[in-house]
Amino acid sequence: MSKISQAELENDFIRMIRENERIIYKVCSFYISESSPMEDLYQETVLNLWKSFPKFRNESSFSTWIYRIALNSCISGLRKENKHRRQVPLSLSEEIAFEPDSMEEEIRELYQWIYQLKTLERAIILLWLEEKSYQEIADITGLSLSNVATKLKRIKEKLKTMSNQ
């Protein structure tokens, strides 16, 4: 088996980033804060993807691998930043990678409630909203399948409670 050149590796990586940019932005948008703006989270995630890229073994889908690295990058950044649970000020919600002006009011409210969830809860609901299967969520988060199902049920109940307040 021939060894891949540095130029080929870089080209493959750039192509991969371009093809999956939406995933990276979406994950980062769930973890922005005053001290961790979108640009910083995105850059940290891409750096971690680059460091891990040569070790990618195709044991999972590319998108699963990207979700895992992106979530771990953002969650690690939060842990370093502050050991306490933080809420994202609503003013930062304008930096979301989606198009806020085109979202219905209900969807905007849902995302505001999601920002109030704990870090792992945000990751799980993000993946569920992305229509990932329970198995894919388990693979990305490292949780068991039954734990994903239980946590997702509790998160949905928590969001329902928030919506009734």
N, C-alpha and C. Protein backbone atom coordinates (compact mmCIF):
# COMPACT_ATOMS: atom_id res chain seq x y z
N MET A 1 0.84 -1.17 0.00
CA MET A 1 0.00 0.00 0.00
C MET A 1 0.89 1.24 0.00
N SER A 2 0.60 2.18 -0.91
CA SER A 2 1.43 3.39 -1.01
C SER A 2 1.00 4.41 0.04
N LYS A 3 1.97 5.17 0.46
CA LYS A 3 1.73 6.20 1.47
C LYS A 3 1.21 7.46 0.78
N ILE A 4 0.22 8.10 1.38
CA ILE A 4 -0.38 9.31 0.81
C ILE A 4 0.55 10.50 1.06
N SER A 5 0.69 11.35 0.06
CA SER A 5 1.57 12.51 0.20
C SER A 5 0.90 13.58 1.06
N GLN A 6 1.70 14.49 1.58
CA GLN A 6 1.19 15.58 2.41
C GLN A 6 0.21 16.44 1.61
N ALA A 7 0.51 16.70 0.34
CA ALA A 7 -0.37 17.51 -0.51
C ALA A 7 -1.71 16.82 -0.71
N GLU A 8 -1.69 15.49 -0.93
CA GLU A 8 -2.94 14.74 -1.09
C GLU A 8 -3.75 14.75 0.21
N LEU A 9 -3.06 14.61 1.32
CA LEU A 9 -3.72 14.64 2.62
C LEU A 9 -4.39 16.00 2.85
N GLU A 10 -3.67 17.06 2.54
CA GLU A 10 -4.23 18.41 2.70
C GLU A 10 -5.42 18.64 1.77
N ASN A 11 -5.32 18.20 0.53
CA ASN A 11 -6.42 18.34 -0.42
C ASN A 11 -7.65 17.56 0.03
N ASP A 12 -7.44 16.33 0.51
CA ASP A 12 -8.55 15.53 1.02
C ASP A 12 -9.21 16.20 2.22
N PHE A 13 -8.39 16.76 3.08
CA PHE A 13 -8.91 17.42 4.27
C PHE A 13 -9.73 18.66 3.90
N ILE A 14 -9.22 19.48 3.02
CA ILE A 14 -9.93 20.69 2.59
C ILE A 14 -11.27 20.31 1.94
N ARG A 15 -11.26 19.29 1.11
CA ARG A 15 -12.49 18.81 0.48
C ARG A 15 -13.49 18.36 1.55
N MET A 16 -13.00 17.61 2.53
CA MET A 16 -13.85 17.11 3.61
C MET A 16 -14.46 18.26 4.40
N ILE A 17 -13.68 19.28 4.70
CA ILE A 17 -14.19 20.45 5.44
C ILE A 17 -15.27 21.15 4.63
N ARG A 18 -15.02 21.36 3.36
CA ARG A 18 -16.01 22.03 2.51
C ARG A 18 -17.31 21.24 2.42
N GLU A 19 -17.20 19.93 2.30
CA GLU A 19 -18.39 19.08 2.17
C GLU A 19 -19.19 19.00 3.47
N ASN A 20 -18.54 19.21 4.60
CA ASN A 20 -19.20 19.03 5.90
C ASN A 20 -19.25 20.31 6.73
N GLU A 21 -19.03 21.42 6.10
CA GLU A 21 -19.00 22.70 6.80
C GLU A 21 -20.30 22.97 7.57
N ARG A 22 -21.42 22.59 7.00
CA ARG A 22 -22.71 22.80 7.63
C ARG A 22 -22.79 22.10 9.00
N ILE A 23 -22.30 20.87 9.06
CA ILE A 23 -22.30 20.11 10.31
C ILE A 23 -21.45 20.84 11.35
N ILE A 24 -20.28 21.26 10.95
CA ILE A 24 -19.36 21.92 11.88
C ILE A 24 -19.98 23.21 12.42
N TYR A 25 -20.53 24.03 11.53
CA TYR A 25 -21.17 25.28 11.97
C TYR A 25 -22.35 25.02 12.89
N LYS A 26 -23.15 24.02 12.55
CA LYS A 26 -24.34 23.73 13.36
C LYS A 26 -23.94 23.31 14.77
N VAL A 27 -22.97 22.42 14.89
CA VAL A 27 -22.52 21.99 16.22
C VAL A 27 -21.96 23.18 16.99
N CYS A 28 -21.09 23.95 16.36
CA CYS A 28 -20.49 25.10 17.03
C CYS A 28 -21.54 26.11 17.48
N SER A 29 -22.59 26.28 16.69
CA SER A 29 -23.62 27.27 17.02
C SER A 29 -24.34 26.94 18.32
N PHE A 30 -24.33 25.68 18.72
CA PHE A 30 -24.98 25.28 19.96
C PHE A 30 -24.13 25.55 21.19
N TYR A 31 -22.88 25.95 21.00
CA TYR A 31 -21.97 26.13 22.14
C TYR A 31 -21.31 27.50 22.19
N ILE A 32 -21.80 28.45 21.42
CA ILE A 32 -21.21 29.79 21.45
C ILE A 32 -21.48 30.46 22.78
N SER A 33 -20.56 31.32 23.18
CA SER A 33 -20.72 32.11 24.39
C SER A 33 -19.91 33.39 24.19
N GLU A 34 -19.98 34.26 25.17
CA GLU A 34 -19.23 35.51 25.05
C GLU A 34 -17.73 35.27 24.93
N SER A 35 -17.22 34.29 25.66
CA SER A 35 -15.78 34.02 25.61
C SER A 35 -15.42 32.96 24.56
N SER A 36 -16.43 32.34 23.93
CA SER A 36 -16.18 31.37 22.86
C SER A 36 -17.09 31.69 21.68
N PRO A 37 -16.71 32.71 20.91
CA PRO A 37 -17.54 33.05 19.74
C PRO A 37 -17.45 31.97 18.66
N MET A 38 -18.36 32.04 17.73
CA MET A 38 -18.46 31.06 16.65
C MET A 38 -17.11 30.84 15.96
N GLU A 39 -16.41 31.92 15.65
CA GLU A 39 -15.15 31.80 14.92
C GLU A 39 -14.12 30.97 15.68
N ASP A 40 -14.04 31.19 16.99
CA ASP A 40 -13.08 30.44 17.81
C ASP A 40 -13.45 28.96 17.88
N LEU A 41 -14.73 28.67 18.10
CA LEU A 41 -15.16 27.27 18.18
C LEU A 41 -14.93 26.56 16.85
N TYR A 42 -15.26 27.24 15.76
CA TYR A 42 -15.07 26.66 14.44
C TYR A 42 -13.59 26.36 14.19
N GLN A 43 -12.75 27.33 14.49
CA GLN A 43 -11.31 27.17 14.27
C GLN A 43 -10.75 26.03 15.12
N GLU A 44 -11.16 25.95 16.37
CA GLU A 44 -10.69 24.88 17.26
C GLU A 44 -11.15 23.52 16.75
N THR A 45 -12.38 23.46 16.27
CA THR A 45 -12.92 22.21 15.73
C THR A 45 -12.15 21.77 14.49
N VAL A 46 -11.91 22.70 13.58
CA VAL A 46 -11.17 22.36 12.36
C VAL A 46 -9.74 21.93 12.71
N LEU A 47 -9.13 22.59 13.67
CA LEU A 47 -7.78 22.19 14.10
C LEU A 47 -7.80 20.76 14.65
N ASN A 48 -8.78 20.44 15.48
CA ASN A 48 -8.88 19.09 16.03
C ASN A 48 -9.19 18.05 14.95
N LEU A 49 -10.00 18.44 13.97
CA LEU A 49 -10.26 17.54 12.84
C LEU A 49 -8.96 17.28 12.07
N TRP A 50 -8.18 18.33 11.86
CA TRP A 50 -6.90 18.18 11.14
C TRP A 50 -5.96 17.25 11.90
N LYS A 51 -5.87 17.43 13.20
CA LYS A 51 -4.99 16.57 14.00
C LYS A 51 -5.42 15.11 13.94
N SER A 52 -6.72 14.88 13.87
CA SER A 52 -7.26 13.51 13.88
C SER A 52 -7.41 12.91 12.49
N PHE A 53 -7.37 13.73 11.46
CA PHE A 53 -7.64 13.28 10.10
C PHE A 53 -6.76 12.11 9.64
N PRO A 54 -5.46 12.16 9.86
CA PRO A 54 -4.63 11.03 9.40
C PRO A 54 -4.97 9.71 10.10
N LYS A 55 -5.63 9.79 11.25
CA LYS A 55 -5.95 8.59 12.01
C LYS A 55 -7.35 8.06 11.71
N PHE A 56 -8.14 8.77 10.88
CA PHE A 56 -9.49 8.32 10.55
C PHE A 56 -9.40 6.99 9.83
N ARG A 57 -10.12 5.98 10.37
CA ARG A 57 -9.98 4.61 9.87
C ARG A 57 -11.24 4.09 9.17
N ASN A 58 -12.19 4.95 8.89
CA ASN A 58 -13.44 4.53 8.23
C ASN A 58 -14.22 3.50 9.04
N GLU A 59 -14.06 3.50 10.37
CA GLU A 59 -14.83 2.59 11.21
C GLU A 59 -16.24 3.11 11.43
N SER A 60 -16.46 4.37 11.15
CA SER A 60 -17.78 4.98 11.21
C SER A 60 -17.92 5.85 9.96
N SER A 61 -19.12 6.38 9.77
CA SER A 61 -19.28 7.28 8.62
C SER A 61 -18.50 8.55 8.88
N PHE A 62 -18.18 9.25 7.80
CA PHE A 62 -17.42 10.50 7.93
C PHE A 62 -18.19 11.51 8.76
N SER A 63 -19.52 11.60 8.54
CA SER A 63 -20.31 12.59 9.29
C SER A 63 -20.36 12.24 10.78
N THR A 64 -20.43 10.96 11.11
CA THR A 64 -20.40 10.55 12.52
C THR A 64 -19.08 10.97 13.16
N TRP A 65 -17.99 10.74 12.46
CA TRP A 65 -16.67 11.11 12.96
C TRP A 65 -16.58 12.62 13.15
N ILE A 66 -17.09 13.40 12.20
CA ILE A 66 -17.06 14.86 12.30
C ILE A 66 -17.90 15.34 13.47
N TYR A 67 -19.11 14.79 13.62
CA TYR A 67 -19.94 15.16 14.76
C TYR A 67 -19.20 14.89 16.08
N ARG A 68 -18.58 13.73 16.17
CA ARG A 68 -17.89 13.37 17.42
C ARG A 68 -16.77 14.35 17.73
N ILE A 69 -15.92 14.65 16.74
CA ILE A 69 -14.81 15.59 16.95
C ILE A 69 -15.35 16.98 17.26
N ALA A 70 -16.35 17.43 16.51
CA ALA A 70 -16.91 18.78 16.72
C ALA A 70 -17.52 18.90 18.10
N LEU A 71 -18.32 17.92 18.50
CA LEU A 71 -18.93 17.97 19.84
C LEU A 71 -17.87 17.93 20.93
N ASN A 72 -16.90 17.04 20.78
CA ASN A 72 -15.83 16.96 21.78
C ASN A 72 -15.04 18.25 21.86
N SER A 73 -14.78 18.88 20.72
CA SER A 73 -14.04 20.15 20.69
C SER A 73 -14.82 21.23 21.44
N CYS A 74 -16.09 21.35 21.12
CA CYS A 74 -16.91 22.40 21.75
C CYS A 74 -17.11 22.14 23.24
N ILE A 75 -17.37 20.89 23.59
CA ILE A 75 -17.58 20.56 25.01
C ILE A 75 -16.30 20.74 25.80
N SER A 76 -15.17 20.34 25.23
CA SER A 76 -13.88 20.54 25.91
C SER A 76 -13.60 22.02 26.12
N GLY A 77 -13.93 22.82 25.11
CA GLY A 77 -13.75 24.26 25.24
C GLY A 77 -14.58 24.83 26.37
N LEU A 78 -15.81 24.35 26.51
CA LEU A 78 -16.67 24.81 27.61
C LEU A 78 -16.09 24.42 28.96
N ARG A 79 -15.59 23.20 29.04
CA ARG A 79 -15.03 22.73 30.31
C ARG A 79 -13.82 23.56 30.72
N LYS A 80 -12.99 23.88 29.75
CA LYS A 80 -11.81 24.70 30.05
C LYS A 80 -12.22 26.10 30.47
N GLU A 81 -13.21 26.62 29.78
CA GLU A 81 -13.65 28.00 30.00
C GLU A 81 -14.25 28.19 31.39
N ASN A 82 -15.07 27.22 31.78
CA ASN A 82 -15.78 27.41 33.04
C ASN A 82 -16.36 26.08 33.49
N LYS A 83 -16.15 25.74 34.72
CA LYS A 83 -16.66 24.47 35.23
C LYS A 83 -18.12 24.56 35.62
N HIS A 84 -18.67 25.76 35.61
CA HIS A 84 -20.06 25.97 35.97
C HIS A 84 -20.93 26.00 34.73
N ARG A 85 -22.18 25.59 34.88
CA ARG A 85 -23.12 25.65 33.76
C ARG A 85 -23.37 27.10 33.40
N ARG A 86 -23.28 27.38 32.13
CA ARG A 86 -23.50 28.75 31.66
C ARG A 86 -24.64 28.77 30.67
N GLN A 87 -25.29 29.90 30.61
CA GLN A 87 -26.32 30.10 29.61
C GLN A 87 -25.80 31.09 28.59
N VAL A 88 -26.18 30.88 27.36
CA VAL A 88 -25.76 31.77 26.30
C VAL A 88 -26.71 32.95 26.27
N PRO A 89 -26.18 34.17 26.36
CA PRO A 89 -27.07 35.33 26.27
C PRO A 89 -27.81 35.33 24.95
N LEU A 90 -29.06 35.78 24.97
CA LEU A 90 -29.86 35.77 23.76
C LEU A 90 -29.24 36.60 22.65
N SER A 91 -28.45 37.60 23.00
CA SER A 91 -27.81 38.41 21.97
C SER A 91 -26.88 37.58 21.10
N LEU A 92 -26.32 36.49 21.67
CA LEU A 92 -25.43 35.64 20.89
C LEU A 92 -26.19 34.72 19.95
N SER A 93 -27.49 34.56 20.18
CA SER A 93 -28.25 33.67 19.30
C SER A 93 -28.28 34.19 17.88
N GLU A 94 -27.95 35.45 17.68
CA GLU A 94 -27.90 36.01 16.33
C GLU A 94 -26.75 35.44 15.53
N GLU A 95 -25.76 34.85 16.20
CA GLU A 95 -24.62 34.27 15.50
C GLU A 95 -24.87 32.84 15.03
N ILE A 96 -26.05 32.32 15.29
CA ILE A 96 -26.36 30.95 14.92
C ILE A 96 -26.15 30.78 13.42
N ALA A 97 -25.65 29.61 13.05
CA ALA A 97 -25.33 29.36 11.65
C ALA A 97 -26.56 29.22 10.77
N PHE A 98 -27.74 29.19 11.36
CA PHE A 98 -28.96 29.13 10.58
C PHE A 98 -29.36 30.53 10.17
N GLU A 99 -30.44 30.64 9.47
CA GLU A 99 -30.93 31.95 9.06
C GLU A 99 -32.07 32.34 9.98
N PRO A 100 -31.77 33.07 11.06
CA PRO A 100 -32.79 33.38 12.06
C PRO A 100 -34.01 34.09 11.49
N ASP A 101 -33.82 34.96 10.49
CA ASP A 101 -34.96 35.68 9.93
C ASP A 101 -35.94 34.75 9.23
N SER A 102 -35.47 33.62 8.76
CA SER A 102 -36.35 32.72 8.04
C SER A 102 -36.99 31.68 8.96
N MET A 103 -36.56 31.61 10.21
CA MET A 103 -37.11 30.63 11.13
C MET A 103 -38.45 31.11 11.68
N GLU A 104 -39.34 30.17 11.86
CA GLU A 104 -40.60 30.50 12.50
C GLU A 104 -40.33 30.85 13.97
N GLU A 105 -41.23 31.61 14.56
CA GLU A 105 -41.08 32.03 15.96
C GLU A 105 -40.94 30.82 16.89
N GLU A 106 -41.70 29.76 16.62
CA GLU A 106 -41.65 28.57 17.48
C GLU A 106 -40.26 27.92 17.45
N ILE A 107 -39.66 27.91 16.29
CA ILE A 107 -38.33 27.31 16.17
C ILE A 107 -37.31 28.17 16.92
N ARG A 108 -37.43 29.47 16.82
CA ARG A 108 -36.52 30.35 17.57
C ARG A 108 -36.65 30.10 19.07
N GLU A 109 -37.88 29.96 19.52
CA GLU A 109 -38.10 29.68 20.95
C GLU A 109 -37.47 28.35 21.33
N LEU A 110 -37.66 27.35 20.49
CA LEU A 110 -37.08 26.04 20.77
C LEU A 110 -35.57 26.14 20.94
N TYR A 111 -34.91 26.86 20.05
CA TYR A 111 -33.46 27.00 20.15
C TYR A 111 -33.07 27.78 21.41
N GLN A 112 -33.87 28.72 21.82
CA GLN A 112 -33.57 29.45 23.07
C GLN A 112 -33.67 28.50 24.26
N TRP A 113 -34.64 27.60 24.24
CA TRP A 113 -34.76 26.61 25.32
C TRP A 113 -33.60 25.63 25.27
N ILE A 114 -33.20 25.24 24.07
CA ILE A 114 -32.08 24.30 23.93
C ILE A 114 -30.81 24.90 24.52
N TYR A 115 -30.61 26.21 24.34
CA TYR A 115 -29.42 26.86 24.90
C TYR A 115 -29.38 26.79 26.42
N GLN A 116 -30.52 26.55 27.04
CA GLN A 116 -30.58 26.48 28.50
C GLN A 116 -30.28 25.07 29.02
N LEU A 117 -30.19 24.10 28.12
CA LEU A 117 -29.91 22.73 28.52
C LEU A 117 -28.44 22.56 28.90
N LYS A 118 -28.16 21.47 29.61
CA LYS A 118 -26.78 21.12 29.92
C LYS A 118 -26.05 20.73 28.63
N THR A 119 -24.75 20.73 28.69
CA THR A 119 -23.91 20.51 27.52
C THR A 119 -24.23 19.20 26.79
N LEU A 120 -24.28 18.09 27.49
CA LEU A 120 -24.54 16.80 26.86
C LEU A 120 -25.97 16.75 26.33
N GLU A 121 -26.91 17.35 27.05
CA GLU A 121 -28.29 17.39 26.59
C GLU A 121 -28.39 18.12 25.25
N ARG A 122 -27.66 19.23 25.14
CA ARG A 122 -27.64 19.98 23.87
C ARG A 122 -27.12 19.11 22.73
N ALA A 123 -26.06 18.37 23.01
CA ALA A 123 -25.47 17.50 21.98
C ALA A 123 -26.48 16.45 21.52
N ILE A 124 -27.15 15.83 22.47
CA ILE A 124 -28.11 14.77 22.13
C ILE A 124 -29.28 15.32 21.33
N ILE A 125 -29.85 16.43 21.77
CA ILE A 125 -31.00 16.98 21.05
C ILE A 125 -30.58 17.51 19.68
N LEU A 126 -29.39 18.07 19.57
CA LEU A 126 -28.88 18.51 18.27
C LEU A 126 -28.85 17.34 17.30
N LEU A 127 -28.29 16.23 17.73
CA LEU A 127 -28.19 15.05 16.87
C LEU A 127 -29.57 14.50 16.52
N TRP A 128 -30.47 14.52 17.48
CA TRP A 128 -31.83 14.04 17.23
C TRP A 128 -32.53 14.94 16.22
N LEU A 129 -32.35 16.26 16.35
CA LEU A 129 -32.93 17.20 15.39
C LEU A 129 -32.33 17.04 14.00
N GLU A 130 -31.11 16.54 13.95
CA GLU A 130 -30.45 16.26 12.67
C GLU A 130 -30.90 14.91 12.11
N GLU A 131 -31.88 14.30 12.78
CA GLU A 131 -32.47 13.03 12.36
C GLU A 131 -31.48 11.87 12.40
N LYS A 132 -30.54 11.94 13.35
CA LYS A 132 -29.64 10.82 13.57
C LYS A 132 -30.39 9.73 14.33
N SER A 133 -30.10 8.48 14.03
CA SER A 133 -30.74 7.37 14.73
C SER A 133 -30.19 7.30 16.16
N TYR A 134 -30.88 6.59 17.01
CA TYR A 134 -30.40 6.42 18.38
C TYR A 134 -29.01 5.78 18.38
N GLN A 135 -28.81 4.82 17.45
CA GLN A 135 -27.50 4.16 17.36
C GLN A 135 -26.42 5.16 16.96
N GLU A 136 -26.70 6.03 16.00
CA GLU A 136 -25.72 7.03 15.59
C GLU A 136 -25.42 8.00 16.74
N ILE A 137 -26.46 8.39 17.47
CA ILE A 137 -26.26 9.28 18.62
C ILE A 137 -25.38 8.59 19.65
N ALA A 138 -25.63 7.31 19.88
CA ALA A 138 -24.81 6.54 20.83
C ALA A 138 -23.36 6.47 20.36
N ASP A 139 -23.16 6.22 19.07
CA ASP A 139 -21.80 6.14 18.52
C ASP A 139 -21.07 7.47 18.66
N ILE A 140 -21.76 8.57 18.41
CA ILE A 140 -21.13 9.89 18.46
C ILE A 140 -20.83 10.32 19.88
N THR A 141 -21.77 10.09 20.79
CA THR A 141 -21.62 10.56 22.17
C THR A 141 -20.89 9.58 23.07
N GLY A 142 -20.82 8.33 22.66
CA GLY A 142 -20.18 7.32 23.50
C GLY A 142 -21.11 6.77 24.57
N LEU A 143 -22.39 7.10 24.49
CA LEU A 143 -23.38 6.59 25.44
C LEU A 143 -23.93 5.26 24.94
N SER A 144 -24.54 4.50 25.84
CA SER A 144 -25.20 3.27 25.41
C SER A 144 -26.52 3.63 24.73
N LEU A 145 -27.03 2.71 23.95
CA LEU A 145 -28.29 2.93 23.24
C LEU A 145 -29.44 3.21 24.21
N SER A 146 -29.52 2.45 25.28
CA SER A 146 -30.60 2.66 26.26
C SER A 146 -30.44 3.99 26.98
N ASN A 147 -29.19 4.40 27.22
CA ASN A 147 -28.94 5.68 27.88
C ASN A 147 -29.36 6.83 26.96
N VAL A 148 -29.11 6.70 25.66
CA VAL A 148 -29.54 7.72 24.70
C VAL A 148 -31.05 7.85 24.73
N ALA A 149 -31.75 6.71 24.70
CA ALA A 149 -33.21 6.73 24.70
C ALA A 149 -33.75 7.39 25.97
N THR A 150 -33.18 7.04 27.10
CA THR A 150 -33.63 7.61 28.37
C THR A 150 -33.36 9.11 28.42
N LYS A 151 -32.14 9.50 28.07
CA LYS A 151 -31.79 10.92 28.10
C LYS A 151 -32.65 11.73 27.13
N LEU A 152 -32.88 11.19 25.95
CA LEU A 152 -33.67 11.90 24.95
C LEU A 152 -35.11 12.10 25.44
N LYS A 153 -35.66 11.09 26.08
CA LYS A 153 -37.02 11.21 26.64
C LYS A 153 -37.05 12.31 27.69
N ARG A 154 -36.05 12.35 28.56
CA ARG A 154 -35.99 13.36 29.62
C ARG A 154 -35.78 14.76 29.04
N ILE A 155 -34.97 14.86 28.00
CA ILE A 155 -34.73 16.16 27.37
C ILE A 155 -36.02 16.68 26.74
N LYS A 156 -36.74 15.81 26.06
CA LYS A 156 -38.00 16.22 25.45
C LYS A 156 -38.99 16.69 26.53
N GLU A 157 -39.03 15.97 27.66
CA GLU A 157 -39.90 16.37 28.77
C GLU A 157 -39.47 17.72 29.32
N LYS A 158 -38.18 17.94 29.45
CA LYS A 158 -37.65 19.21 29.95
C LYS A 158 -38.03 20.34 29.01
N LEU A 159 -37.87 20.13 27.71
CA LEU A 159 -38.23 21.16 26.72
C LEU A 159 -39.73 21.44 26.73
N LYS A 160 -40.52 20.38 26.92
CA LYS A 160 -41.98 20.56 27.00
C LYS A 160 -42.35 21.41 28.21
N THR A 161 -41.68 21.14 29.34
CA THR A 161 -41.91 21.92 30.56
C THR A 161 -41.53 23.38 30.33
N MET A 162 -40.41 23.61 29.67
CA MET A 162 -39.98 24.99 29.37
C MET A 162 -41.01 25.69 28.50
N SER A 163 -41.58 24.96 27.56
CA SER A 163 -42.53 25.59 26.65
C SER A 163 -43.85 25.94 27.33
N ASN A 164 -44.13 25.29 28.45
CA ASN A 164 -45.39 25.55 29.17
C ASN A 164 -45.25 26.65 30.21
N GLN A 165 -44.07 27.19 30.38
CA GLN A 165 -43.85 28.24 31.40
C GLN A 165 -44.19 29.59 30.86
